Protein backbone atom coordinates (compact mmCIF):
# COMPACT_ATOMS: atom_id res chain seq x y z
CA UNK A 1 0.02 0.12 0.06
CA UNK A 2 2.21 2.77 1.20
CA UNK A 3 5.63 2.86 3.19
CA UNK A 4 5.31 2.38 6.60
CA UNK A 5 7.45 5.29 8.59
CA UNK A 6 7.89 6.72 12.12
CA UNK A 7 6.30 5.34 14.77
CA UNK A 8 4.40 2.66 13.03
CA UNK A 9 7.92 1.02 12.17
CA UNK A 10 8.33 0.12 15.30
CA UNK A 11 5.02 -1.30 16.36
CA UNK A 12 5.10 -4.48 18.35
CA UNK A 13 3.15 -7.39 16.76
CA UNK A 14 1.98 -10.80 17.79
CA UNK A 15 1.41 -13.49 15.29
CA UNK A 16 -0.13 -16.51 16.27
CA UNK A 17 -0.71 -19.82 13.82
CA UNK A 18 -1.60 -23.41 14.81
CA UNK A 19 0.67 -25.72 12.93
CA UNK A 20 -2.48 -28.07 12.04
CA UNK A 21 -4.83 -25.04 10.23
CA UNK A 22 -6.57 -26.74 7.78
CA UNK A 23 -7.79 -22.96 6.51
CA UNK A 24 -4.67 -21.17 6.62
CA UNK A 25 -1.75 -23.58 6.09
CA UNK A 26 1.25 -22.58 8.36
CA UNK A 27 3.24 -22.05 5.50
CA UNK A 28 1.06 -18.84 4.70
CA UNK A 29 1.71 -17.90 8.55
CA UNK A 30 5.47 -17.84 8.12
CA UNK A 31 5.54 -16.03 4.82
CA UNK A 32 3.22 -13.20 6.51
CA UNK A 33 5.66 -12.62 9.56
CA UNK A 34 8.46 -12.40 6.83
CA UNK A 35 6.77 -10.31 5.29
CA UNK A 36 6.02 -8.11 8.35
CA UNK A 37 9.52 -8.53 9.67
CA UNK A 38 10.26 -6.63 6.21
CA UNK A 39 8.24 -3.73 6.55
CA UNK A 40 8.64 -2.98 10.19
CA UNK A 41 11.47 -3.30 12.97
CA UNK A 42 11.81 -7.16 12.97
CA UNK A 43 13.04 -6.87 16.69
CA UNK A 44 9.33 -6.43 17.33
CA UNK A 45 7.80 -9.34 15.37
CA UNK A 46 6.81 -12.10 17.37
CA UNK A 47 5.54 -15.52 15.50
CA UNK A 48 4.54 -18.19 17.87
CA UNK A 49 3.02 -21.60 16.72
CA UNK A 50 1.01 -24.21 18.69
CA UNK A 51 1.58 -27.86 18.22
CA UNK A 52 -1.97 -29.36 17.31
CA UNK A 53 -3.84 -26.39 17.09
CA UNK A 54 -6.31 -26.19 14.36
CA UNK A 55 -8.29 -22.83 13.02
CA UNK A 56 -9.03 -22.05 16.49
CA UNK A 57 -7.43 -21.08 19.84
CA UNK A 58 -5.92 -23.00 23.06
CA UNK A 59 -5.27 -21.83 26.24
CA UNK A 60 -1.51 -21.79 25.46
CA UNK A 61 -2.30 -18.74 22.58
CA UNK A 62 -4.37 -16.79 25.01
CA UNK A 63 -2.06 -16.79 28.07
CA UNK A 64 0.62 -15.74 25.26
CA UNK A 65 -1.97 -12.63 24.00
CA UNK A 66 -2.59 -11.67 27.62
CA UNK A 67 1.32 -11.44 28.38
CA UNK A 68 1.75 -9.30 25.01
CA UNK A 69 -1.37 -6.89 25.71
CA UNK A 70 0.09 -6.38 29.35
CA UNK A 71 3.40 -5.87 28.36
CA UNK A 72 2.80 -3.69 25.40
CA UNK A 73 -0.54 -1.71 26.48
CA UNK A 74 -1.00 0.69 29.15
CA UNK A 75 -3.26 -0.61 31.97
CA UNK A 76 -6.71 0.63 32.30
CA UNK A 77 -8.06 2.00 35.53
């Protein structure tokens, strides 16, 4: 679309993917994360995979999302 610049290049991204997803194969998740790393600071991109997870979620993924939110977003009063 357009170049990413300024503060947006430093945005933190968490991408999660199940290794058994029949709708979006893991290969596409891997390609997406590599594209993201070419667009923004690659040190700020985290890619997590979950063994046996299909096109759904699991408790481990939800805990990773919670930790990511706790780390990157300010607390809400």
